[in-house]
Amino acid sequence: MGSRSILLVALLLGIAGCGGRQSAGADIVRYTGRIVVSGAEGMTETTVSVEGRAPVGITGPLLREIRSLAGAILMVEGVPAAQAMGAAVDVRRYDVIEVNGERPYVGIMTRTGEDHAIRRDDGTTIALEAVPAALGAATGAKVWVTGRLRDGRVQVQSFGIIRPPSG
């Protein structure tokens, strides 16, 4: 086997080895920090700013949702991912820890008659009151809401759309 063949085999094995880190059996990693979207339009990068280390790039099918949470503090969980510069994580799930200094309620916006609520991942619902028109019109969207919980209902003070109703 010539030196070119050996080099080609080594390169192929190296590429296969990189792909193995992203497989279902890969180690799960978790990072908690502020989500930062930076760069010029069309060339943006989304990272989680983790204290004591370089920013960690975000990849994967949840990237769009995470990008909508720029400025919030999230816990992201996934598998290590290949990225041109620095560490990255292919996010499989995330938890919104803080938005504007408060712990938000996160879920799917629902409506029954005149009543609005958020259906959380665990199946429970949180009733909402003082719902702004833009939030009330977002039935089916994944949203975050902050506000005071009183008598089992959240008085909406602020909100954001994480994922539009269509997907």
N, C-alpha and C. Protein backbone atom coordinates (compact mmCIF):
# COMPACT_ATOMS: atom_id res chain seq x y z
N MET A 1 0.85 -1.16 0.00
CA MET A 1 0.00 0.00 0.00
C MET A 1 0.90 1.23 0.00
N GLY A 2 0.67 2.16 -0.93
CA GLY A 2 1.48 3.36 -1.04
C GLY A 2 1.11 4.38 0.03
N SER A 3 1.97 5.40 0.15
CA SER A 3 1.73 6.42 1.17
C SER A 3 0.45 7.20 0.90
N ARG A 4 0.08 7.39 -0.37
CA ARG A 4 -1.18 8.06 -0.68
C ARG A 4 -2.37 7.23 -0.20
N SER A 5 -2.31 5.93 -0.40
CA SER A 5 -3.41 5.05 0.03
C SER A 5 -3.54 5.06 1.55
N ILE A 6 -2.41 5.03 2.24
CA ILE A 6 -2.43 5.04 3.70
C ILE A 6 -3.03 6.37 4.18
N LEU A 7 -2.65 7.47 3.55
CA LEU A 7 -3.18 8.77 3.93
C LEU A 7 -4.69 8.83 3.70
N LEU A 8 -5.14 8.29 2.56
CA LEU A 8 -6.57 8.28 2.26
C LEU A 8 -7.35 7.45 3.28
N VAL A 9 -6.83 6.27 3.62
CA VAL A 9 -7.48 5.43 4.62
C VAL A 9 -7.52 6.14 5.97
N ALA A 10 -6.43 6.79 6.35
CA ALA A 10 -6.38 7.50 7.62
C ALA A 10 -7.41 8.64 7.63
N LEU A 11 -7.51 9.37 6.54
CA LEU A 11 -8.49 10.44 6.46
C LEU A 11 -9.91 9.90 6.56
N LEU A 12 -10.20 8.82 5.86
CA LEU A 12 -11.53 8.23 5.91
C LEU A 12 -11.86 7.74 7.31
N LEU A 13 -10.91 7.11 7.98
CA LEU A 13 -11.14 6.64 9.35
C LEU A 13 -11.35 7.82 10.28
N GLY A 14 -10.61 8.89 10.08
CA GLY A 14 -10.79 10.08 10.90
C GLY A 14 -12.17 10.68 10.73
N ILE A 15 -12.65 10.74 9.49
CA ILE A 15 -13.98 11.27 9.22
C ILE A 15 -15.03 10.37 9.85
N ALA A 16 -14.87 9.07 9.72
CA ALA A 16 -15.83 8.14 10.32
C ALA A 16 -15.83 8.29 11.83
N GLY A 17 -14.64 8.50 12.41
CA GLY A 17 -14.55 8.67 13.86
C GLY A 17 -15.28 9.92 14.34
N CYS A 18 -15.20 11.01 13.56
CA CYS A 18 -15.91 12.23 13.95
C CYS A 18 -17.40 12.01 13.93
N GLY A 19 -17.89 11.27 12.95
CA GLY A 19 -19.33 11.02 12.86
C GLY A 19 -19.81 10.16 14.02
N GLY A 20 -18.98 9.28 14.53
CA GLY A 20 -19.36 8.41 15.63
C GLY A 20 -19.69 9.19 16.91
N ARG A 21 -19.08 10.35 17.09
CA ARG A 21 -19.36 11.16 18.29
C ARG A 21 -20.79 11.67 18.30
N GLN A 22 -21.44 11.70 17.15
CA GLN A 22 -22.80 12.22 17.07
C GLN A 22 -23.85 11.12 17.07
N SER A 23 -23.43 9.90 17.19
CA SER A 23 -24.37 8.79 17.13
C SER A 23 -25.24 8.73 18.38
N ALA A 24 -26.26 7.88 18.32
CA ALA A 24 -27.20 7.75 19.44
C ALA A 24 -26.48 7.31 20.72
N GLY A 25 -25.36 6.62 20.60
CA GLY A 25 -24.64 6.14 21.77
C GLY A 25 -23.65 7.14 22.33
N ALA A 26 -23.59 8.34 21.75
CA ALA A 26 -22.62 9.33 22.19
C ALA A 26 -22.97 9.84 23.59
N ASP A 27 -21.96 10.36 24.27
CA ASP A 27 -22.18 10.94 25.60
C ASP A 27 -23.09 12.16 25.49
N ILE A 28 -23.96 12.31 26.45
CA ILE A 28 -24.84 13.47 26.53
C ILE A 28 -24.09 14.57 27.28
N VAL A 29 -24.15 15.79 26.75
CA VAL A 29 -23.54 16.93 27.41
C VAL A 29 -24.62 17.95 27.74
N ARG A 30 -24.40 18.72 28.81
CA ARG A 30 -25.33 19.76 29.23
C ARG A 30 -24.56 21.04 29.48
N TYR A 31 -25.11 22.14 29.01
CA TYR A 31 -24.53 23.45 29.25
C TYR A 31 -25.64 24.39 29.69
N THR A 32 -25.33 25.27 30.63
CA THR A 32 -26.29 26.28 31.06
C THR A 32 -25.63 27.64 30.89
N GLY A 33 -26.35 28.53 30.21
CA GLY A 33 -25.82 29.88 29.99
C GLY A 33 -26.75 30.70 29.13
N ARG A 34 -26.32 31.92 28.87
CA ARG A 34 -27.10 32.87 28.06
C ARG A 34 -26.94 32.54 26.58
N ILE A 35 -28.05 32.60 25.85
CA ILE A 35 -28.04 32.34 24.42
C ILE A 35 -27.64 33.64 23.70
N VAL A 36 -26.66 33.52 22.81
CA VAL A 36 -26.14 34.67 22.07
C VAL A 36 -26.24 34.37 20.58
N VAL A 37 -26.83 35.29 19.83
CA VAL A 37 -26.87 35.20 18.37
C VAL A 37 -25.99 36.33 17.86
N SER A 38 -24.96 35.98 17.10
CA SER A 38 -24.01 37.00 16.63
C SER A 38 -23.68 36.79 15.17
N GLY A 39 -23.08 37.81 14.56
CA GLY A 39 -22.67 37.74 13.17
C GLY A 39 -23.54 38.62 12.30
N ALA A 40 -23.21 38.64 11.02
CA ALA A 40 -23.96 39.43 10.04
C ALA A 40 -25.11 38.61 9.50
N GLU A 41 -26.13 39.29 8.98
CA GLU A 41 -27.30 38.60 8.44
C GLU A 41 -26.87 37.57 7.40
N GLY A 42 -27.43 36.39 7.51
CA GLY A 42 -27.07 35.30 6.62
C GLY A 42 -25.84 34.52 7.07
N MET A 43 -25.12 35.04 8.04
CA MET A 43 -23.91 34.38 8.54
C MET A 43 -23.91 34.38 10.07
N THR A 44 -25.09 34.19 10.67
CA THR A 44 -25.18 34.26 12.13
C THR A 44 -24.78 32.94 12.77
N GLU A 45 -24.36 33.05 13.99
CA GLU A 45 -23.99 31.89 14.80
C GLU A 45 -24.74 31.99 16.11
N THR A 46 -25.25 30.87 16.59
CA THR A 46 -25.94 30.83 17.87
C THR A 46 -25.07 30.03 18.83
N THR A 47 -24.82 30.62 20.00
CA THR A 47 -23.99 29.96 21.01
C THR A 47 -24.64 30.07 22.38
N VAL A 48 -24.19 29.21 23.27
CA VAL A 48 -24.55 29.34 24.68
C VAL A 48 -23.27 29.80 25.38
N SER A 49 -23.38 30.91 26.09
CA SER A 49 -22.24 31.50 26.79
C SER A 49 -22.14 30.85 28.17
N VAL A 50 -21.16 30.00 28.33
CA VAL A 50 -20.99 29.23 29.55
C VAL A 50 -19.85 29.83 30.36
N GLU A 51 -20.12 30.14 31.62
CA GLU A 51 -19.11 30.75 32.49
C GLU A 51 -17.88 29.84 32.59
N GLY A 52 -16.70 30.44 32.43
CA GLY A 52 -15.46 29.72 32.61
C GLY A 52 -14.98 28.95 31.40
N ARG A 53 -15.63 29.12 30.24
CA ARG A 53 -15.16 28.43 29.04
C ARG A 53 -15.57 29.22 27.81
N ALA A 54 -15.03 28.83 26.68
CA ALA A 54 -15.38 29.49 25.42
C ALA A 54 -16.85 29.19 25.09
N PRO A 55 -17.50 30.07 24.34
CA PRO A 55 -18.90 29.81 23.95
C PRO A 55 -19.03 28.48 23.22
N VAL A 56 -20.17 27.84 23.40
CA VAL A 56 -20.44 26.54 22.78
C VAL A 56 -21.48 26.75 21.69
N GLY A 57 -21.15 26.33 20.47
CA GLY A 57 -22.06 26.47 19.35
C GLY A 57 -23.29 25.58 19.50
N ILE A 58 -24.41 26.04 18.94
CA ILE A 58 -25.66 25.29 18.97
C ILE A 58 -25.96 24.81 17.56
N THR A 59 -26.28 23.52 17.41
CA THR A 59 -26.68 22.94 16.13
C THR A 59 -27.90 22.06 16.37
N GLY A 60 -28.46 21.57 15.29
CA GLY A 60 -29.54 20.60 15.38
C GLY A 60 -30.90 21.17 15.07
N PRO A 61 -31.92 20.32 15.10
CA PRO A 61 -33.27 20.72 14.70
C PRO A 61 -33.92 21.74 15.64
N LEU A 62 -33.42 21.93 16.85
CA LEU A 62 -33.99 22.91 17.77
C LEU A 62 -33.32 24.28 17.67
N LEU A 63 -32.38 24.42 16.73
CA LEU A 63 -31.64 25.67 16.58
C LEU A 63 -32.57 26.87 16.40
N ARG A 64 -33.57 26.75 15.56
CA ARG A 64 -34.48 27.86 15.29
C ARG A 64 -35.20 28.32 16.56
N GLU A 65 -35.69 27.34 17.35
CA GLU A 65 -36.35 27.68 18.61
C GLU A 65 -35.38 28.36 19.57
N ILE A 66 -34.20 27.81 19.70
CA ILE A 66 -33.21 28.36 20.62
C ILE A 66 -32.81 29.77 20.18
N ARG A 67 -32.67 29.97 18.88
CA ARG A 67 -32.31 31.30 18.36
C ARG A 67 -33.37 32.33 18.75
N SER A 68 -34.65 31.92 18.79
CA SER A 68 -35.71 32.86 19.17
C SER A 68 -35.61 33.26 20.64
N LEU A 69 -34.79 32.57 21.41
CA LEU A 69 -34.62 32.83 22.83
C LEU A 69 -33.32 33.58 23.13
N ALA A 70 -32.79 34.29 22.13
CA ALA A 70 -31.55 35.06 22.32
C ALA A 70 -31.69 35.97 23.54
N GLY A 71 -30.68 35.94 24.40
CA GLY A 71 -30.68 36.75 25.61
C GLY A 71 -31.18 36.01 26.83
N ALA A 72 -31.91 34.93 26.63
CA ALA A 72 -32.43 34.13 27.75
C ALA A 72 -31.35 33.18 28.26
N ILE A 73 -31.53 32.68 29.46
CA ILE A 73 -30.64 31.67 30.01
C ILE A 73 -31.32 30.33 29.85
N LEU A 74 -30.62 29.41 29.21
CA LEU A 74 -31.15 28.07 28.94
C LEU A 74 -30.20 27.01 29.46
N MET A 75 -30.75 25.84 29.71
CA MET A 75 -29.96 24.62 29.90
C MET A 75 -30.20 23.86 28.61
N VAL A 76 -29.12 23.58 27.87
CA VAL A 76 -29.23 22.81 26.64
C VAL A 76 -28.59 21.45 26.87
N GLU A 77 -29.17 20.44 26.25
CA GLU A 77 -28.68 19.07 26.42
C GLU A 77 -28.65 18.41 25.05
N GLY A 78 -27.57 17.68 24.78
CA GLY A 78 -27.46 16.99 23.51
C GLY A 78 -26.16 16.22 23.42
N VAL A 79 -25.73 16.01 22.19
CA VAL A 79 -24.49 15.27 21.95
C VAL A 79 -23.48 16.23 21.34
N PRO A 80 -22.19 15.98 21.61
CA PRO A 80 -21.17 16.83 21.00
C PRO A 80 -21.33 16.82 19.48
N ALA A 81 -21.10 17.97 18.87
CA ALA A 81 -21.26 18.09 17.42
C ALA A 81 -20.00 18.67 16.80
N ALA A 82 -19.81 18.37 15.53
CA ALA A 82 -18.68 18.92 14.79
C ALA A 82 -19.01 20.35 14.37
N GLN A 83 -18.06 21.24 14.58
CA GLN A 83 -18.21 22.64 14.18
C GLN A 83 -16.84 23.15 13.80
N ALA A 84 -16.78 24.02 12.82
CA ALA A 84 -15.51 24.52 12.31
C ALA A 84 -14.66 25.15 13.41
N MET A 85 -15.29 25.93 14.28
CA MET A 85 -14.51 26.63 15.31
C MET A 85 -15.07 26.33 16.69
N GLY A 86 -14.32 25.63 17.51
CA GLY A 86 -14.71 25.40 18.89
C GLY A 86 -15.71 24.28 19.11
N ALA A 87 -16.12 24.16 20.36
CA ALA A 87 -17.06 23.12 20.77
C ALA A 87 -18.47 23.46 20.32
N ALA A 88 -19.27 22.43 20.10
CA ALA A 88 -20.68 22.62 19.73
C ALA A 88 -21.48 21.46 20.29
N VAL A 89 -22.79 21.68 20.40
CA VAL A 89 -23.69 20.64 20.87
C VAL A 89 -24.89 20.57 19.93
N ASP A 90 -25.23 19.36 19.52
CA ASP A 90 -26.44 19.10 18.74
C ASP A 90 -27.54 18.94 19.77
N VAL A 91 -28.33 19.99 19.97
CA VAL A 91 -29.29 20.05 21.07
C VAL A 91 -30.47 19.14 20.80
N ARG A 92 -30.77 18.27 21.76
CA ARG A 92 -31.90 17.35 21.70
C ARG A 92 -33.06 17.84 22.56
N ARG A 93 -32.73 18.62 23.62
CA ARG A 93 -33.77 19.22 24.48
C ARG A 93 -33.16 20.42 25.18
N TYR A 94 -34.04 21.29 25.63
CA TYR A 94 -33.59 22.47 26.37
C TYR A 94 -34.65 22.86 27.38
N ASP A 95 -34.21 23.63 28.37
CA ASP A 95 -35.11 24.15 29.40
C ASP A 95 -34.83 25.65 29.52
N VAL A 96 -35.88 26.46 29.48
CA VAL A 96 -35.73 27.90 29.62
C VAL A 96 -35.67 28.21 31.12
N ILE A 97 -34.53 28.67 31.56
CA ILE A 97 -34.29 28.95 32.98
C ILE A 97 -34.72 30.37 33.35
N GLU A 98 -34.39 31.33 32.48
CA GLU A 98 -34.65 32.73 32.83
C GLU A 98 -34.83 33.58 31.58
N VAL A 99 -35.84 34.43 31.61
CA VAL A 99 -36.06 35.44 30.58
C VAL A 99 -36.27 36.76 31.31
N ASN A 100 -35.47 37.76 30.98
CA ASN A 100 -35.58 39.08 31.61
C ASN A 100 -35.57 39.00 33.14
N GLY A 101 -34.75 38.10 33.69
CA GLY A 101 -34.62 38.00 35.14
C GLY A 101 -35.69 37.17 35.83
N GLU A 102 -36.60 36.57 35.08
CA GLU A 102 -37.68 35.78 35.68
C GLU A 102 -37.72 34.37 35.10
N ARG A 103 -38.24 33.44 35.89
CA ARG A 103 -38.45 32.07 35.42
C ARG A 103 -39.77 32.06 34.63
N PRO A 104 -39.73 31.74 33.33
CA PRO A 104 -40.96 31.77 32.54
C PRO A 104 -41.74 30.45 32.60
N TYR A 105 -42.99 30.53 32.23
CA TYR A 105 -43.82 29.36 31.99
C TYR A 105 -43.71 29.10 30.49
N VAL A 106 -43.46 27.85 30.11
CA VAL A 106 -43.24 27.52 28.70
C VAL A 106 -44.20 26.42 28.29
N GLY A 107 -44.82 26.56 27.12
CA GLY A 107 -45.70 25.52 26.61
C GLY A 107 -46.40 25.96 25.34
N ILE A 108 -47.40 25.19 24.98
CA ILE A 108 -48.19 25.45 23.78
C ILE A 108 -49.40 26.28 24.15
N MET A 109 -49.59 27.38 23.44
CA MET A 109 -50.72 28.27 23.69
C MET A 109 -52.01 27.58 23.27
N THR A 110 -52.98 27.52 24.19
CA THR A 110 -54.27 26.89 23.90
C THR A 110 -55.39 27.86 24.24
N ARG A 111 -56.55 27.54 23.72
CA ARG A 111 -57.72 28.39 23.98
C ARG A 111 -58.97 27.53 24.02
N THR A 112 -59.79 27.77 25.04
CA THR A 112 -61.09 27.14 25.16
C THR A 112 -62.10 28.25 25.35
N GLY A 113 -62.88 28.53 24.32
CA GLY A 113 -63.81 29.66 24.39
C GLY A 113 -63.03 30.93 24.55
N GLU A 114 -63.29 31.66 25.63
CA GLU A 114 -62.59 32.91 25.91
C GLU A 114 -61.36 32.70 26.80
N ASP A 115 -61.17 31.48 27.31
CA ASP A 115 -60.07 31.20 28.24
C ASP A 115 -58.80 30.80 27.49
N HIS A 116 -57.68 31.36 27.94
CA HIS A 116 -56.37 31.04 27.37
C HIS A 116 -55.55 30.27 28.41
N ALA A 117 -54.68 29.38 27.93
CA ALA A 117 -53.82 28.61 28.82
C ALA A 117 -52.57 28.18 28.06
N ILE A 118 -51.60 27.71 28.82
CA ILE A 118 -50.40 27.10 28.25
C ILE A 118 -50.40 25.64 28.65
N ARG A 119 -50.25 24.73 27.67
CA ARG A 119 -50.13 23.29 27.93
C ARG A 119 -48.63 22.97 27.95
N ARG A 120 -48.15 22.54 29.12
CA ARG A 120 -46.73 22.25 29.28
C ARG A 120 -46.40 20.85 28.80
N ASP A 121 -45.10 20.57 28.69
CA ASP A 121 -44.64 19.26 28.21
C ASP A 121 -45.15 18.11 29.05
N ASP A 122 -45.35 18.34 30.35
CA ASP A 122 -45.82 17.27 31.23
C ASP A 122 -47.33 17.06 31.15
N GLY A 123 -48.02 17.84 30.27
CA GLY A 123 -49.46 17.69 30.09
C GLY A 123 -50.31 18.60 30.96
N THR A 124 -49.71 19.23 31.96
CA THR A 124 -50.47 20.15 32.80
C THR A 124 -50.71 21.46 32.05
N THR A 125 -51.75 22.17 32.49
CA THR A 125 -52.03 23.47 31.88
C THR A 125 -51.97 24.56 32.95
N ILE A 126 -51.62 25.74 32.49
CA ILE A 126 -51.60 26.92 33.35
C ILE A 126 -52.52 27.94 32.70
N ALA A 127 -53.56 28.33 33.43
CA ALA A 127 -54.51 29.32 32.92
C ALA A 127 -53.85 30.70 32.90
N LEU A 128 -54.22 31.49 31.90
CA LEU A 128 -53.66 32.83 31.73
C LEU A 128 -54.76 33.87 31.82
N GLU A 129 -54.41 35.04 32.32
CA GLU A 129 -55.34 36.17 32.27
C GLU A 129 -54.56 37.41 31.89
N ALA A 130 -55.27 38.45 31.49
CA ALA A 130 -54.67 39.68 30.97
C ALA A 130 -53.79 39.35 29.77
N VAL A 131 -54.34 38.54 28.86
CA VAL A 131 -53.59 38.07 27.70
C VAL A 131 -53.60 39.14 26.60
N PRO A 132 -52.42 39.60 26.18
CA PRO A 132 -52.35 40.55 25.07
C PRO A 132 -52.89 39.92 23.78
N ALA A 133 -53.43 40.74 22.89
CA ALA A 133 -54.04 40.25 21.65
C ALA A 133 -53.08 39.39 20.84
N ALA A 134 -51.81 39.80 20.73
CA ALA A 134 -50.84 39.05 19.93
C ALA A 134 -50.61 37.65 20.50
N LEU A 135 -50.62 37.52 21.81
CA LEU A 135 -50.46 36.21 22.44
C LEU A 135 -51.73 35.39 22.27
N GLY A 136 -52.88 36.03 22.46
CA GLY A 136 -54.16 35.35 22.30
C GLY A 136 -54.35 34.79 20.90
N ALA A 137 -53.77 35.46 19.91
CA ALA A 137 -53.88 35.02 18.51
C ALA A 137 -52.88 33.91 18.17
N ALA A 138 -52.03 33.54 19.09
CA ALA A 138 -50.96 32.57 18.82
C ALA A 138 -51.33 31.15 19.22
N THR A 139 -52.59 30.80 19.15
CA THR A 139 -53.02 29.44 19.51
C THR A 139 -52.22 28.41 18.71
N GLY A 140 -51.66 27.44 19.41
CA GLY A 140 -50.86 26.39 18.78
C GLY A 140 -49.37 26.69 18.76
N ALA A 141 -48.98 27.91 19.09
CA ALA A 141 -47.57 28.28 19.11
C ALA A 141 -46.93 27.84 20.42
N LYS A 142 -45.63 27.56 20.37
CA LYS A 142 -44.87 27.32 21.59
C LYS A 142 -44.44 28.69 22.09
N VAL A 143 -44.76 29.01 23.35
CA VAL A 143 -44.52 30.34 23.89
C VAL A 143 -43.87 30.28 25.26
N TRP A 144 -43.32 31.41 25.68
CA TRP A 144 -42.92 31.62 27.07
C TRP A 144 -43.72 32.80 27.58
N VAL A 145 -44.07 32.74 28.86
CA VAL A 145 -44.86 33.78 29.50
C VAL A 145 -44.28 34.03 30.89
N THR A 146 -44.16 35.29 31.27
CA THR A 146 -43.81 35.62 32.64
C THR A 146 -44.97 36.42 33.24
N GLY A 147 -45.10 36.34 34.52
CA GLY A 147 -46.16 37.06 35.23
C GLY A 147 -46.38 36.47 36.60
N ARG A 148 -47.25 37.12 37.34
CA ARG A 148 -47.55 36.69 38.70
C ARG A 148 -48.60 35.58 38.68
N LEU A 149 -48.33 34.52 39.42
CA LEU A 149 -49.29 33.41 39.58
C LEU A 149 -50.17 33.74 40.77
N ARG A 150 -51.48 33.82 40.53
CA ARG A 150 -52.43 34.12 41.59
C ARG A 150 -53.70 33.31 41.35
N ASP A 151 -54.12 32.58 42.37
CA ASP A 151 -55.31 31.75 42.29
C ASP A 151 -55.25 30.78 41.11
N GLY A 152 -54.06 30.21 40.86
CA GLY A 152 -53.89 29.22 39.80
C GLY A 152 -53.84 29.79 38.39
N ARG A 153 -53.80 31.12 38.26
CA ARG A 153 -53.76 31.76 36.95
C ARG A 153 -52.55 32.71 36.90
N VAL A 154 -51.95 32.79 35.73
CA VAL A 154 -50.83 33.70 35.54
C VAL A 154 -51.33 34.98 34.89
N GLN A 155 -51.06 36.11 35.53
CA GLN A 155 -51.35 37.40 34.93
C GLN A 155 -50.17 37.74 34.03
N VAL A 156 -50.39 37.72 32.73
CA VAL A 156 -49.30 37.88 31.76
C VAL A 156 -48.69 39.27 31.87
N GLN A 157 -47.38 39.29 32.06
CA GLN A 157 -46.63 40.56 32.05
C GLN A 157 -45.79 40.68 30.80
N SER A 158 -45.18 39.57 30.35
CA SER A 158 -44.42 39.56 29.11
C SER A 158 -44.50 38.17 28.50
N PHE A 159 -44.24 38.10 27.19
CA PHE A 159 -44.31 36.81 26.50
C PHE A 159 -43.45 36.85 25.26
N GLY A 160 -43.19 35.69 24.72
CA GLY A 160 -42.46 35.56 23.46
C GLY A 160 -42.90 34.31 22.74
N ILE A 161 -42.81 34.34 21.42
CA ILE A 161 -43.13 33.17 20.58
C ILE A 161 -41.82 32.41 20.33
N ILE A 162 -41.79 31.16 20.74
CA ILE A 162 -40.60 30.33 20.53
C ILE A 162 -40.71 29.62 19.18
N ARG A 163 -41.89 29.10 18.88
CA ARG A 163 -42.13 28.39 17.61
C ARG A 163 -43.54 28.75 17.14
N PRO A 164 -43.70 29.23 15.92
CA PRO A 164 -45.04 29.58 15.43
C PRO A 164 -45.95 28.36 15.38
N PRO A 165 -47.25 28.58 15.31
CA PRO A 165 -48.21 27.47 15.31
C PRO A 165 -48.00 26.45 14.20
N SER A 166 -47.50 26.85 13.06
CA SER A 166 -47.38 25.93 11.92
C SER A 166 -46.20 24.99 12.03
N GLY A 167 -45.38 25.12 13.04
CA GLY A 167 -44.30 24.18 13.13
C GLY A 167 -43.07 24.75 13.63
